[in-house]
Protein backbone atom coordinates (compact mmCIF):
# COMPACT_ATOMS: atom_id res chain seq x y z
CA ASP A 1 -14.34 2.65 -3.62
CA LEU A 2 -12.33 1.00 -6.42
CA GLU A 3 -13.15 3.60 -9.09
CA GLY A 4 -9.95 4.31 -10.98
CA ALA A 5 -8.00 1.78 -9.00
CA VAL A 6 -5.95 -1.18 -10.20
CA TRP A 7 -6.99 -3.99 -7.91
CA MET A 8 -6.73 -7.73 -7.28
CA THR A 9 -8.85 -9.99 -5.26
CA LEU A 10 -7.84 -13.17 -3.35
CA SER A 11 -10.54 -15.54 -2.40
CA ALA A 12 -11.05 -16.90 1.11
CA ASP A 13 -9.72 -20.28 -0.05
CA GLU A 14 -6.57 -18.69 -1.55
CA LEU A 15 -5.91 -16.65 1.56
CA ILE A 16 -6.19 -19.74 3.78
CA ALA A 17 -3.89 -21.77 1.45
CA PHE A 18 -1.21 -18.93 1.54
CA ALA A 19 -1.56 -18.57 5.35
CA ASP A 20 -1.20 -22.33 5.84
CA ALA A 21 1.86 -22.43 3.63
CA GLY A 22 3.54 -19.64 5.76
CA VAL A 23 4.69 -17.71 2.71
CA SER A 24 4.69 -14.04 1.78
CA VAL A 25 2.74 -12.89 -1.28
CA THR A 26 3.84 -9.89 -3.40
CA VAL A 27 1.42 -8.38 -5.85
CA LYS A 28 2.92 -6.28 -8.59
CA PHE A 29 0.76 -3.41 -9.73
CA PRO A 30 1.56 -0.76 -12.28
CA GLY A 31 3.63 1.74 -10.14
CA ALA A 32 3.57 -0.26 -6.88
CA GLU A 33 4.41 -3.57 -5.31
CA VAL A 34 2.41 -4.67 -2.27
CA THR A 35 3.67 -7.58 0.03
CA LEU A 36 1.57 -9.45 2.50
CA SER A 37 3.66 -11.15 5.18
CA PRO A 38 2.66 -14.57 6.54
CA ASP A 39 1.29 -12.76 9.60
CA ALA A 40 -0.83 -10.43 7.48
CA LEU A 41 -2.07 -13.37 5.41
CA SER A 42 -3.01 -15.20 8.61
CA ASP A 43 -4.99 -12.14 9.80
CA LEU A 44 -6.75 -11.84 6.45
CA ALA A 45 -7.47 -15.59 6.47
CA ALA A 46 -9.07 -15.18 9.85
CA MET A 47 -11.23 -12.35 8.46
CA ALA A 48 -12.22 -14.66 5.52
CA ALA A 49 -13.08 -17.37 7.98
CA LEU A 50 -15.41 -15.02 9.79
CA GLY A 51 -17.37 -14.33 6.64
CA ALA A 52 -15.41 -12.12 4.22
CA ASP A 53 -15.70 -14.02 0.94
CA SER A 54 -12.55 -12.23 -0.45
CA ILE A 55 -9.88 -9.80 0.19
CA THR A 56 -9.22 -7.00 -2.33
CA ILE A 57 -6.09 -4.83 -2.60
CA ALA A 58 -6.57 -1.57 -4.53
CA VAL A 59 -3.81 0.84 -5.69
CA THR A 60 -4.77 4.32 -6.97
CA THR A 61 -2.77 7.26 -8.19
CA VAL A 62 -4.47 10.14 -6.41
CA PRO A 63 -4.88 13.30 -8.56
CA MET A 64 -3.98 16.38 -6.68
CA ARG A 65 -7.43 17.91 -7.50
CA GLU A 66 -9.05 15.23 -5.33
CA LEU A 67 -7.14 16.23 -2.19
CA SER A 68 -8.76 18.52 0.31
CA GLY A 69 -7.19 21.93 0.74
CA MET A 70 -5.21 20.83 3.80
CA GLN A 71 -4.10 17.60 2.27
CA ALA A 72 -2.98 19.31 -0.96
CA ALA A 73 -1.08 21.91 0.97
CA GLN A 74 0.78 19.16 2.96
CA VAL A 75 1.84 17.23 -0.12
CA LYS A 76 2.83 20.28 -2.17
CA GLY A 77 6.07 19.62 -3.89
CA TYR A 78 5.67 15.77 -3.93
CA GLU A 79 5.33 14.22 -7.32
CA THR A 80 3.13 11.25 -6.59
CA VAL A 81 0.34 10.50 -4.10
CA THR A 82 -0.64 6.87 -4.11
CA GLY A 83 -3.64 5.40 -2.42
CA ILE A 84 -3.49 1.79 -1.20
CA GLU A 85 -6.44 0.18 0.45
CA VAL A 86 -7.40 -3.31 1.55
CA PHE A 87 -10.95 -4.55 1.73
CA ALA A 88 -12.32 -7.64 3.51
CA GLY A 89 -15.47 -8.16 1.42
CA SER A 90 -16.74 -4.63 1.14
CA THR A 91 -15.25 -3.37 4.50
CA LYS A 92 -12.00 -1.36 4.48
CA VAL A 93 -9.50 -2.89 6.85
CA ASP A 94 -6.06 -1.88 8.15
CA ILE A 95 -3.46 -4.56 7.67
CA PRO A 96 0.38 -4.50 7.88
CA LEU A 97 1.84 -4.21 4.38
CA THR A 98 5.27 -3.79 2.86
CA ILE A 99 5.04 -1.46 -0.14
CA SER A 100 7.60 -0.59 -2.79
CA LEU A 101 7.11 2.43 -5.08
CA PRO A 102 9.23 3.50 -8.00
CA TYR A 103 11.30 6.70 -7.52
CA THR A 104 13.79 8.51 -9.67
CA LEU A 105 16.43 10.37 -7.79
CA LYS A 106 16.80 14.03 -8.69
CA GLN A 107 20.21 15.09 -9.72
CA GLY A 108 22.50 15.39 -6.64
CA GLU A 109 19.73 14.02 -4.41
CA ASN A 110 20.97 11.87 -1.43
CA PRO A 111 19.31 8.46 -1.50
CA ALA A 112 19.26 8.37 2.32
CA ALA A 113 17.19 11.61 2.25
CA VAL A 114 14.28 10.10 0.17
CA ARG A 115 11.14 10.00 2.37
CA VAL A 116 7.81 8.32 2.28
CA TRP A 117 4.88 9.91 4.08
CA TYR A 118 1.52 8.32 5.03
CA MET A 119 -1.53 10.52 5.18
CA ASN A 120 -4.41 9.14 7.15
CA ASP A 121 -8.00 10.00 6.25
CA SER A 122 -7.91 12.97 8.61
CA GLY A 123 -4.90 14.45 6.67
CA VAL A 124 -2.27 13.71 9.39
CA LEU A 125 1.15 12.89 7.90
CA THR A 126 3.52 10.27 9.35
CA ASP A 127 7.03 9.54 8.20
CA LEU A 128 7.38 5.89 7.32
CA ASN A 129 11.15 5.64 7.17
CA GLY A 130 11.35 4.28 3.61
CA VAL A 131 14.55 2.83 2.27
CA TYR A 132 15.59 3.72 -1.23
CA ASP A 133 17.27 0.97 -3.35
CA ALA A 134 19.26 2.44 -6.17
CA GLU A 135 19.51 -0.89 -7.95
CA THR A 136 15.80 -1.37 -8.19
CA GLY A 137 14.84 2.34 -8.27
CA MET A 138 12.24 1.61 -5.58
CA ILE A 139 11.62 2.97 -2.16
CA THR A 140 10.28 0.41 0.31
CA PHE A 141 8.43 0.98 3.56
CA HIS A 142 6.16 -0.88 6.08
CA GLY A 143 2.98 0.21 7.70
CA ALA A 144 -0.67 -0.69 8.48
CA PHE A 145 -2.98 0.84 5.85
């Protein structure tokens, strides 16, 4: 569901061209950067070759009111919940991504203590060991989403 999302779509031909070139592709969204590695692009190109006419990456800021009771309780105290989804055609797929999100340190906050948590569709949280970069003001992490 792309309602309320900022999204971009790559055609099968574009995916295959990027995969053949062996490059990474970074897409800059408002409030997030999503990087597809050469391996991820190859996987997506293979999906495209099997019939997915395009790949869409969608980024959404999730309002707290849309979280279930358990999910809302688990993210209490966090400022931002961001949803990132990848679709092959109309099918949601999990693919390894590198994601960077903006973050402003609170006064006295230790940059090494900044965390990123992934919440799956069942509401289970996993620490993604994000790395905060004070120069860019971004926290970067890897995972399959």
